[in-house]
């Protein structure tokens, strides 16, 4: 038992000593005035996956090596160090600066991709603000324009599709919010705008149905003088819906609203216009 305790104590002391001397060496590098040493150690830390250390040392030496032959490698791996730490906001900013400054560098294609990829990784879920999503889309499309034959072209196309689907869902969710709140006038505007902006939306069938119902409910709740025109709008929207989806899970409800709207107009001797 005593031997085991001694063994554990020695192991702990060895580990503590290793960490102390390791940290001590890193602190010496940070305090050193030898920038060639710092340059070498920054890449050593990066190669050892010590990205926090490599990033800190690259931060120190970047201004010193600006304008030299080593500048592009320093600035690129400075950005990569932040990327590896999952600090995508700072990494994306550094990659952007790199592409603007070192257009002839062998790292520039990678930097352009990683800039876009950082924005992609920062893109939030659909219900949140999509500024980073639009930024990612712009950067990915620009990357494909500049490097259409890149080995990352297919990957970039996949990200673009994914991000666009997220924005489409955001548009659908925003429009549906008005519908769920029974603000049918606003939902009509938002739902139609969503279809205009994203006609290929996977929610198209549901959106067209919600337009029919929003139109019907708006007419139903309107003052009498506005009801004839608005019930005719419902009929128009119904025909647009069945033209695209003659068989739909929403057909039963849509037909009922159409019949009610038609009967309203007929009881008032108003001709139903069929489009």
C-alpha atoms as a PDB file:
ATOM      1  CA  UNK A   1       0.000   0.000   0.000  1.00  0.00           C
ATOM      2  CA  UNK A   2       2.862   2.333   0.901  1.00  0.00           C
ATOM      3  CA  UNK A   3       4.660   1.505  -2.361  1.00  0.00           C
ATOM      4  CA  UNK A   4       1.483   2.267  -4.305  1.00  0.00           C
ATOM      5  CA  UNK A   5       1.085   5.614  -2.546  1.00  0.00           C
ATOM      6  CA  UNK A   6       4.724   6.504  -3.227  1.00  0.00           C
ATOM      7  CA  UNK A   7       4.309   5.518  -6.875  1.00  0.00           C
ATOM      8  CA  UNK A   8       1.224   7.726  -7.254  1.00  0.00           C
ATOM      9  CA  UNK A   9       3.000  10.639  -5.542  1.00  0.00           C
ATOM     10  CA  UNK A  10       6.023  10.311  -7.821  1.00  0.00           C
ATOM     11  CA  UNK A  11       3.814  10.167 -10.909  1.00  0.00           C
ATOM     12  CA  UNK A  12       1.981  13.292  -9.783  1.00  0.00           C
ATOM     13  CA  UNK A  13       5.229  15.131  -9.112  1.00  0.00           C
ATOM     14  CA  UNK A  14       6.614  14.114 -12.509  1.00  0.00           C
ATOM     15  CA  UNK A  15       3.457  15.316 -14.283  1.00  0.00           C
ATOM     16  CA  UNK A  16       3.436  18.577 -12.346  1.00  0.00           C
ATOM     17  CA  UNK A  17       7.117  19.118 -13.112  1.00  0.00           C
ATOM     18  CA  UNK A  18       6.544  18.431 -16.807  1.00  0.00           C
ATOM     19  CA  UNK A  19       3.674  20.923 -16.952  1.00  0.00           C
ATOM     20  CA  UNK A  20       5.715  23.516 -15.038  1.00  0.00           C
ATOM     21  CA  UNK A  21       8.742  23.270 -17.310  1.00  0.00           C
ATOM     22  CA  UNK A  22       6.531  23.121 -20.390  1.00  0.00           C
ATOM     23  CA  UNK A  23       4.693  26.291 -19.329  1.00  0.00           C
ATOM     24  CA  UNK A  24       7.976  27.849 -18.314  1.00  0.00           C
ATOM     25  CA  UNK A  25       9.390  27.215 -21.807  1.00  0.00           C
ATOM     26  CA  UNK A  26       6.282  28.692 -23.434  1.00  0.00           C
ATOM     27  CA  UNK A  27       6.478  31.784 -21.199  1.00  0.00           C
ATOM     28  CA  UNK A  28      10.129  32.235 -22.181  1.00  0.00           C
ATOM     29  CA  UNK A  29       9.135  32.108 -25.839  1.00  0.00           C
ATOM     30  CA  UNK A  30       6.496  34.793 -25.284  1.00  0.00           C
ATOM     31  CA  UNK A  31       8.998  37.031 -23.491  1.00  0.00           C
ATOM     32  CA  UNK A  32      11.853  36.408 -25.936  1.00  0.00           C
ATOM     33  CA  UNK A  33      13.139  39.105 -28.287  1.00  0.00           C
ATOM     34  CA  UNK A  34      14.367  36.460 -30.719  1.00  0.00           C
ATOM     35  CA  UNK A  35      11.684  36.557 -33.421  1.00  0.00           C
ATOM     36  CA  UNK A  36      13.266  33.769 -35.437  1.00  0.00           C
ATOM     37  CA  UNK A  37      12.901  31.572 -32.346  1.00  0.00           C
ATOM     38  CA  UNK A  38       9.294  32.699 -31.957  1.00  0.00           C
ATOM     39  CA  UNK A  39       8.659  31.917 -35.632  1.00  0.00           C
ATOM     40  CA  UNK A  40      10.033  28.391 -35.247  1.00  0.00           C
ATOM     41  CA  UNK A  41       8.192  27.770 -31.983  1.00  0.00           C
ATOM     42  CA  UNK A  42       4.882  29.040 -33.378  1.00  0.00           C
ATOM     43  CA  UNK A  43       4.994  26.402 -36.096  1.00  0.00           C
ATOM     44  CA  UNK A  44       6.201  23.811 -33.590  1.00  0.00           C
ATOM     45  CA  UNK A  45       3.210  24.524 -31.337  1.00  0.00           C
ATOM     46  CA  UNK A  46       0.885  24.371 -34.339  1.00  0.00           C
ATOM     47  CA  UNK A  47       2.327  21.022 -35.404  1.00  0.00           C
ATOM     48  CA  UNK A  48       1.809  19.719 -31.868  1.00  0.00           C
ATOM     49  CA  UNK A  49      -1.825  20.907 -31.977  1.00  0.00           C
ATOM     50  CA  UNK A  50      -1.149  23.493 -29.256  1.00  0.00           C
ATOM     51  CA  UNK A  51      -3.318  25.990 -31.099  1.00  0.00           C
ATOM     52  CA  UNK A  52      -3.799  28.464 -28.266  1.00  0.00           C
ATOM     53  CA  UNK A  53      -0.028  28.776 -27.905  1.00  0.00           C
ATOM     54  CA  UNK A  54       0.641  28.935 -31.625  1.00  0.00           C
ATOM     55  CA  UNK A  55      -2.046  31.601 -32.011  1.00  0.00           C
ATOM     56  CA  UNK A  56      -0.584  33.733 -29.253  1.00  0.00           C
ATOM     57  CA  UNK A  57       2.926  33.531 -30.693  1.00  0.00           C
ATOM     58  CA  UNK A  58       1.707  34.216 -34.239  1.00  0.00           C
ATOM     59  CA  UNK A  59      -0.104  37.273 -32.870  1.00  0.00           C
ATOM     60  CA  UNK A  60       3.213  38.539 -31.502  1.00  0.00           C
ATOM     61  CA  UNK A  61       5.286  37.981 -34.609  1.00  0.00           C
ATOM     62  CA  UNK A  62       2.765  38.907 -37.328  1.00  0.00           C
ATOM     63  CA  UNK A  63       3.531  42.662 -37.274  1.00  0.00           C
ATOM     64  CA  UNK A  64       7.285  41.938 -37.269  1.00  0.00           C
ATOM     65  CA  UNK A  65       7.188  39.694 -40.347  1.00  0.00           C
ATOM     66  CA  UNK A  66       4.781  41.879 -42.308  1.00  0.00           C
ATOM     67  CA  UNK A  67       6.356  42.739 -45.655  1.00  0.00           C
ATOM     68  CA  UNK A  68       8.819  39.820 -45.558  1.00  0.00           C
ATOM     69  CA  UNK A  69       8.835  36.550 -47.498  1.00  0.00           C
ATOM     70  CA  UNK A  70       7.536  34.779 -44.409  1.00  0.00           C
ATOM     71  CA  UNK A  71       4.555  37.075 -43.943  1.00  0.00           C
ATOM     72  CA  UNK A  72       1.966  34.986 -45.791  1.00  0.00           C
ATOM     73  CA  UNK A  73       2.802  31.797 -43.876  1.00  0.00           C
ATOM     74  CA  UNK A  74       2.652  33.664 -40.559  1.00  0.00           C
ATOM     75  CA  UNK A  75      -0.687  35.290 -41.289  1.00  0.00           C
ATOM     76  CA  UNK A  76      -2.225  32.145 -42.751  1.00  0.00           C
ATOM     77  CA  UNK A  77      -1.300  29.948 -39.800  1.00  0.00           C
ATOM     78  CA  UNK A  78      -2.301  32.693 -37.408  1.00  0.00           C
ATOM     79  CA  UNK A  79      -5.797  32.427 -38.893  1.00  0.00           C
ATOM     80  CA  UNK A  80      -5.623  28.622 -38.853  1.00  0.00           C
ATOM     81  CA  UNK A  81      -4.699  28.675 -35.164  1.00  0.00           C
ATOM     82  CA  UNK A  82      -7.897  30.541 -34.375  1.00  0.00           C
ATOM     83  CA  UNK A  83      -9.866  28.252 -36.670  1.00  0.00           C
ATOM     84  CA  UNK A  84      -8.545  25.193 -34.835  1.00  0.00           C
ATOM     85  CA  UNK A  85      -9.666  26.779 -31.560  1.00  0.00           C
ATOM     86  CA  UNK A  86     -13.184  27.058 -33.047  1.00  0.00           C
ATOM     87  CA  UNK A  87     -12.968  30.849 -32.815  1.00  0.00           C
ATOM     88  CA  UNK A  88     -14.627  31.231 -36.189  1.00  0.00           C
ATOM     89  CA  UNK A  89     -15.413  34.933 -35.987  1.00  0.00           C
ATOM     90  CA  UNK A  90     -11.775  35.978 -35.549  1.00  0.00           C
ATOM     91  CA  UNK A  91     -10.508  33.260 -37.899  1.00  0.00           C
ATOM     92  CA  UNK A  92     -12.925  34.336 -40.638  1.00  0.00           C
ATOM     93  CA  UNK A  93     -11.813  37.943 -40.254  1.00  0.00           C
ATOM     94  CA  UNK A  94      -8.143  36.967 -40.547  1.00  0.00           C
ATOM     95  CA  UNK A  95      -8.783  34.756 -43.579  1.00  0.00           C
ATOM     96  CA  UNK A  96     -10.623  37.643 -45.237  1.00  0.00           C
ATOM     97  CA  UNK A  97      -7.714  40.004 -44.595  1.00  0.00           C
ATOM     98  CA  UNK A  98      -5.335  37.370 -45.935  1.00  0.00           C
ATOM     99  CA  UNK A  99      -7.173  36.984 -49.261  1.00  0.00           C
ATOM    100  CA  UNK A 100      -7.248  40.764 -49.658  1.00  0.00           C
ATOM    101  CA  UNK A 101      -3.525  41.150 -48.895  1.00  0.00           C
ATOM    102  CA  UNK A 102      -1.795  38.034 -50.246  1.00  0.00           C
ATOM    103  CA  UNK A 103      -3.527  37.297 -53.539  1.00  0.00           C
ATOM    104  CA  UNK A 104      -0.425  35.613 -54.980  1.00  0.00           C
ATOM    105  CA  UNK A 105       0.261  33.373 -51.985  1.00  0.00           C
ATOM    106  CA  UNK A 106       0.057  29.595 -52.397  1.00  0.00           C
ATOM    107  CA  UNK A 107      -2.255  29.678 -49.346  1.00  0.00           C
ATOM    108  CA  UNK A 108      -4.799  32.069 -50.866  1.00  0.00           C
ATOM    109  CA  UNK A 109      -7.221  29.413 -52.173  1.00  0.00           C
ATOM    110  CA  UNK A 110      -7.273  27.674 -48.801  1.00  0.00           C
ATOM    111  CA  UNK A 111      -7.755  31.021 -47.070  1.00  0.00           C
ATOM    112  CA  UNK A 112     -10.707  31.879 -49.328  1.00  0.00           C
ATOM    113  CA  UNK A 113     -12.336  28.555 -48.577  1.00  0.00           C
ATOM    114  CA  UNK A 114     -11.756  28.748 -44.843  1.00  0.00           C
ATOM    115  CA  UNK A 115     -13.127  32.280 -44.722  1.00  0.00           C
ATOM    116  CA  UNK A 116     -16.386  30.995 -46.215  1.00  0.00           C
ATOM    117  CA  UNK A 117     -16.298  27.876 -44.045  1.00  0.00           C
ATOM    118  CA  UNK A 118     -15.945  29.973 -40.882  1.00  0.00           C
ATOM    119  CA  UNK A 119     -19.107  31.867 -41.798  1.00  0.00           C
ATOM    120  CA  UNK A 120     -20.819  28.562 -42.566  1.00  0.00           C
ATOM    121  CA  UNK A 121     -19.895  27.168 -39.150  1.00  0.00           C
ATOM    122  CA  UNK A 122     -21.165  30.375 -37.517  1.00  0.00           C
ATOM    123  CA  UNK A 123     -24.545  30.152 -39.234  1.00  0.00           C
ATOM    124  CA  UNK A 124     -27.238  29.782 -36.543  1.00  0.00           C
ATOM    125  CA  UNK A 125     -30.448  27.749 -36.513  1.00  0.00           C
ATOM    126  CA  UNK A 126     -33.224  29.044 -38.821  1.00  0.00           C
ATOM    127  CA  UNK A 127     -35.263  30.938 -36.235  1.00  0.00           C
ATOM    128  CA  UNK A 128     -32.349  33.262 -35.424  1.00  0.00           C
ATOM    129  CA  UNK A 129     -30.836  36.177 -37.348  1.00  0.00           C
ATOM    130  CA  UNK A 130     -29.274  34.886 -40.575  1.00  0.00           C
ATOM    131  CA  UNK A 131     -26.604  37.545 -41.190  1.00  0.00           C
ATOM    132  CA  UNK A 132     -23.818  34.954 -40.957  1.00  0.00           C
ATOM    133  CA  UNK A 133     -25.736  32.655 -43.292  1.00  0.00           C
ATOM    134  CA  UNK A 134     -25.943  35.315 -46.004  1.00  0.00           C
ATOM    135  CA  UNK A 135     -22.269  36.131 -45.420  1.00  0.00           C
ATOM    136  CA  UNK A 136     -21.388  32.456 -45.837  1.00  0.00           C
ATOM    137  CA  UNK A 137     -23.415  32.181 -49.044  1.00  0.00           C
ATOM    138  CA  UNK A 138     -21.710  35.227 -50.546  1.00  0.00           C
ATOM    139  CA  UNK A 139     -18.250  33.942 -49.597  1.00  0.00           C
ATOM    140  CA  UNK A 140     -18.911  30.416 -50.903  1.00  0.00           C
ATOM    141  CA  UNK A 141     -20.272  31.697 -54.214  1.00  0.00           C
ATOM    142  CA  UNK A 142     -17.292  34.016 -54.599  1.00  0.00           C
ATOM    143  CA  UNK A 143     -14.972  31.087 -53.846  1.00  0.00           C
ATOM    144  CA  UNK A 144     -16.582  29.024 -56.622  1.00  0.00           C
ATOM    145  CA  UNK A 145     -16.298  31.917 -59.077  1.00  0.00           C
ATOM    146  CA  UNK A 146     -12.601  32.311 -58.294  1.00  0.00           C
ATOM    147  CA  UNK A 147     -11.796  28.603 -58.034  1.00  0.00           C
ATOM    148  CA  UNK A 148     -14.366  26.668 -60.102  1.00  0.00           C
ATOM    149  CA  UNK A 149     -12.022  23.671 -60.421  1.00  0.00           C
ATOM    150  CA  UNK A 150     -11.071  23.553 -56.757  1.00  0.00           C
ATOM    151  CA  UNK A 151     -11.026  20.200 -54.993  1.00  0.00           C
ATOM    152  CA  UNK A 152     -13.419  21.848 -52.533  1.00  0.00           C
ATOM    153  CA  UNK A 153     -15.953  22.916 -55.199  1.00  0.00           C
ATOM    154  CA  UNK A 154     -18.329  20.001 -54.567  1.00  0.00           C
ATOM    155  CA  UNK A 155     -18.114  20.521 -50.812  1.00  0.00           C
ATOM    156  CA  UNK A 156     -18.837  24.217 -51.277  1.00  0.00           C
ATOM    157  CA  UNK A 157     -21.886  23.474 -53.431  1.00  0.00           C
ATOM    158  CA  UNK A 158     -23.192  21.212 -50.657  1.00  0.00           C
ATOM    159  CA  UNK A 159     -22.803  23.989 -48.089  1.00  0.00           C
ATOM    160  CA  UNK A 160     -24.559  26.473 -50.376  1.00  0.00           C
ATOM    161  CA  UNK A 161     -27.522  24.122 -50.739  1.00  0.00           C
ATOM    162  CA  UNK A 162     -27.689  23.578 -46.992  1.00  0.00           C
ATOM    163  CA  UNK A 163     -27.516  27.301 -46.219  1.00  0.00           C
ATOM    164  CA  UNK A 164     -30.115  28.181 -48.828  1.00  0.00           C
ATOM    165  CA  UNK A 165     -32.487  25.597 -47.365  1.00  0.00           C
ATOM    166  CA  UNK A 166     -31.986  27.227 -43.971  1.00  0.00           C
ATOM    167  CA  UNK A 167     -32.912  30.660 -45.357  1.00  0.00           C
ATOM    168  CA  UNK A 168     -35.942  29.167 -47.116  1.00  0.00           C
ATOM    169  CA  UNK A 169     -37.043  27.629 -43.832  1.00  0.00           C
ATOM    170  CA  UNK A 170     -36.502  30.973 -42.091  1.00  0.00           C
ATOM    171  CA  UNK A 171     -38.765  32.648 -44.651  1.00  0.00           C
ATOM    172  CA  UNK A 172     -41.422  29.936 -44.240  1.00  0.00           C
ATOM    173  CA  UNK A 173     -41.300  30.123 -40.439  1.00  0.00           C
ATOM    174  CA  UNK A 174     -41.582  33.901 -40.464  1.00  0.00           C
ATOM    175  CA  UNK A 175     -44.635  33.830 -42.725  1.00  0.00           C
ATOM    176  CA  UNK A 176     -46.237  30.999 -40.762  1.00  0.00           C
ATOM    177  CA  UNK A 177     -45.874  33.018 -37.556  1.00  0.00           C
ATOM    178  CA  UNK A 178     -48.408  35.553 -38.872  1.00  0.00           C
ATOM    179  CA  UNK A 179     -50.666  32.689 -39.951  1.00  0.00           C
ATOM    180  CA  UNK A 180     -50.481  31.037 -36.527  1.00  0.00           C
ATOM    181  CA  UNK A 181     -51.241  34.384 -34.873  1.00  0.00           C
ATOM    182  CA  UNK A 182     -54.318  34.657 -37.124  1.00  0.00           C
ATOM    183  CA  UNK A 183     -53.063  37.911 -38.599  1.00  0.00           C
ATOM    184  CA  UNK A 184     -54.319  36.869 -41.999  1.00  0.00           C
ATOM    185  CA  UNK A 185     -53.689  40.103 -43.852  1.00  0.00           C
ATOM    186  CA  UNK A 186     -50.024  40.050 -42.824  1.00  0.00           C
ATOM    187  CA  UNK A 187     -49.747  36.310 -43.465  1.00  0.00           C
ATOM    188  CA  UNK A 188     -51.008  36.768 -47.045  1.00  0.00           C
ATOM    189  CA  UNK A 189     -48.285  39.300 -47.713  1.00  0.00           C
ATOM    190  CA  UNK A 190     -45.558  37.217 -46.044  1.00  0.00           C
ATOM    191  CA  UNK A 191     -46.611  33.904 -47.600  1.00  0.00           C
ATOM    192  CA  UNK A 192     -46.748  35.350 -51.107  1.00  0.00           C
ATOM    193  CA  UNK A 193     -43.384  37.047 -50.614  1.00  0.00           C
ATOM    194  CA  UNK A 194     -41.883  33.743 -49.497  1.00  0.00           C
ATOM    195  CA  UNK A 195     -43.079  32.070 -52.699  1.00  0.00           C
ATOM    196  CA  UNK A 196     -41.766  34.895 -54.874  1.00  0.00           C
ATOM    197  CA  UNK A 197     -38.367  34.803 -53.190  1.00  0.00           C
ATOM    198  CA  UNK A 198     -38.086  31.013 -53.034  1.00  0.00           C
ATOM    199  CA  UNK A 199     -40.385  29.381 -55.614  1.00  0.00           C
ATOM    200  CA  UNK A 200     -38.537  26.077 -55.208  1.00  0.00           C
ATOM    201  CA  UNK A 201     -39.340  25.898 -51.487  1.00  0.00           C
ATOM    202  CA  UNK A 202     -40.069  22.449 -50.080  1.00  0.00           C
ATOM    203  CA  UNK A 203     -42.973  24.073 -48.211  1.00  0.00           C
ATOM    204  CA  UNK A 204     -44.711  25.223 -51.382  1.00  0.00           C
ATOM    205  CA  UNK A 205     -47.798  23.003 -51.048  1.00  0.00           C
ATOM    206  CA  UNK A 206     -48.423  24.062 -47.451  1.00  0.00           C
ATOM    207  CA  UNK A 207     -47.789  27.725 -48.238  1.00  0.00           C
ATOM    208  CA  UNK A 208     -50.284  27.693 -51.114  1.00  0.00           C
ATOM    209  CA  UNK A 209     -52.851  26.105 -48.795  1.00  0.00           C
ATOM    210  CA  UNK A 210     -52.184  28.682 -46.077  1.00  0.00           C
ATOM    211  CA  UNK A 211     -52.705  31.417 -48.668  1.00  0.00           C
ATOM    212  CA  UNK A 212     -56.133  29.952 -49.467  1.00  0.00           C
ATOM    213  CA  UNK A 213     -57.075  29.781 -45.798  1.00  0.00           C
ATOM    214  CA  UNK A 214     -55.654  33.226 -44.986  1.00  0.00           C
ATOM    215  CA  UNK A 215     -57.636  34.685 -47.863  1.00  0.00           C
ATOM    216  CA  UNK A 216     -60.794  32.899 -46.722  1.00  0.00           C
ATOM    217  CA  UNK A 217     -60.441  33.913 -43.075  1.00  0.00           C
ATOM    218  CA  UNK A 218     -59.634  37.496 -44.051  1.00  0.00           C
ATOM    219  CA  UNK A 219     -62.822  37.602 -46.126  1.00  0.00           C
ATOM    220  CA  UNK A 220     -64.890  35.876 -43.423  1.00  0.00           C
ATOM    221  CA  UNK A 221     -63.799  38.424 -40.803  1.00  0.00           C
ATOM    222  CA  UNK A 222     -64.139  41.460 -43.066  1.00  0.00           C
ATOM    223  CA  UNK A 223     -66.854  44.083 -43.058  1.00  0.00           C
ATOM    224  CA  UNK A 224     -69.673  43.239 -45.454  1.00  0.00           C
ATOM    225  CA  UNK A 225     -68.662  45.747 -48.125  1.00  0.00           C
ATOM    226  CA  UNK A 226     -65.254  44.060 -48.540  1.00  0.00           C
ATOM    227  CA  UNK A 227     -66.413  40.458 -48.412  1.00  0.00           C
ATOM    228  CA  UNK A 228     -67.432  39.951 -52.083  1.00  0.00           C
ATOM    229  CA  UNK A 229     -64.025  40.951 -53.426  1.00  0.00           C
ATOM    230  CA  UNK A 230     -62.160  39.011 -50.764  1.00  0.00           C
ATOM    231  CA  UNK A 231     -64.202  35.832 -51.183  1.00  0.00           C
ATOM    232  CA  UNK A 232     -63.479  36.074 -54.914  1.00  0.00           C
ATOM    233  CA  UNK A 233     -59.803  36.284 -53.971  1.00  0.00           C
ATOM    234  CA  UNK A 234     -60.253  33.066 -51.999  1.00  0.00           C
ATOM    235  CA  UNK A 235     -61.684  31.357 -55.058  1.00  0.00           C
ATOM    236  CA  UNK A 236     -58.769  32.598 -57.170  1.00  0.00           C
ATOM    237  CA  UNK A 237     -56.264  31.300 -54.621  1.00  0.00           C
ATOM    238  CA  UNK A 238     -58.071  27.963 -54.501  1.00  0.00           C
ATOM    239  CA  UNK A 239     -57.710  27.506 -58.250  1.00  0.00           C
ATOM    240  CA  UNK A 240     -54.017  28.372 -58.022  1.00  0.00           C
ATOM    241  CA  UNK A 241     -53.644  25.753 -55.301  1.00  0.00           C
ATOM    242  CA  UNK A 242     -55.427  22.885 -57.099  1.00  0.00           C
ATOM    243  CA  UNK A 243     -53.667  23.695 -60.371  1.00  0.00           C
ATOM    244  CA  UNK A 244     -50.406  22.678 -58.744  1.00  0.00           C
ATOM    245  CA  UNK A 245     -51.707  20.145 -56.227  1.00  0.00           C
ATOM    246  CA  UNK A 246     -54.900  18.508 -57.517  1.00  0.00           C
ATOM    247  CA  UNK A 247     -54.401  15.768 -54.935  1.00  0.00           C
ATOM    248  CA  UNK A 248     -53.268  17.079 -51.585  1.00  0.00           C
ATOM    249  CA  UNK A 249     -53.622  16.344 -47.898  1.00  0.00           C
ATOM    250  CA  UNK A 250     -55.105  19.854 -47.689  1.00  0.00           C
ATOM    251  CA  UNK A 251     -57.687  19.246 -50.451  1.00  0.00           C
ATOM    252  CA  UNK A 252     -60.669  18.586 -48.184  1.00  0.00           C
ATOM    253  CA  UNK A 253     -60.309  21.839 -46.249  1.00  0.00           C
ATOM    254  CA  UNK A 254     -59.500  23.813 -49.399  1.00  0.00           C
ATOM    255  CA  UNK A 255     -62.616  22.520 -51.177  1.00  0.00           C
ATOM    256  CA  UNK A 256     -64.792  23.416 -48.190  1.00  0.00           C
ATOM    257  CA  UNK A 257     -63.496  26.997 -48.164  1.00  0.00           C
ATOM    258  CA  UNK A 258     -63.978  27.250 -51.918  1.00  0.00           C
ATOM    259  CA  UNK A 259     -67.581  26.053 -51.642  1.00  0.00           C
ATOM    260  CA  UNK A 260     -68.347  28.448 -48.803  1.00  0.00           C
ATOM    261  CA  UNK A 261     -66.867  31.368 -50.732  1.00  0.00           C
ATOM    262  CA  UNK A 262     -68.795  30.388 -53.890  1.00  0.00           C
ATOM    263  CA  UNK A 263     -72.061  29.994 -51.985  1.00  0.00           C
ATOM    264  CA  UNK A 264     -71.609  33.405 -50.385  1.00  0.00           C
ATOM    265  CA  UNK A 265     -71.272  35.056 -53.783  1.00  0.00           C
ATOM    266  CA  UNK A 266     -74.186  33.072 -55.267  1.00  0.00           C
ATOM    267  CA  UNK A 267     -76.558  34.009 -52.451  1.00  0.00           C
ATOM    268  CA  UNK A 268     -75.860  37.631 -53.287  1.00  0.00           C
ATOM    269  CA  UNK A 269     -76.301  37.092 -57.008  1.00  0.00           C
ATOM    270  CA  UNK A 270     -72.615  37.753 -57.644  1.00  0.00           C
ATOM    271  CA  UNK A 271     -71.071  35.814 -60.496  1.00  0.00           C
ATOM    272  CA  UNK A 272     -68.178  33.593 -59.448  1.00  0.00           C
ATOM    273  CA  UNK A 273     -65.167  34.242 -61.653  1.00  0.00           C
ATOM    274  CA  UNK A 274     -63.300  31.040 -62.416  1.00  0.00           C
ATOM    275  CA  UNK A 275     -59.695  31.423 -63.440  1.00  0.00           C
END
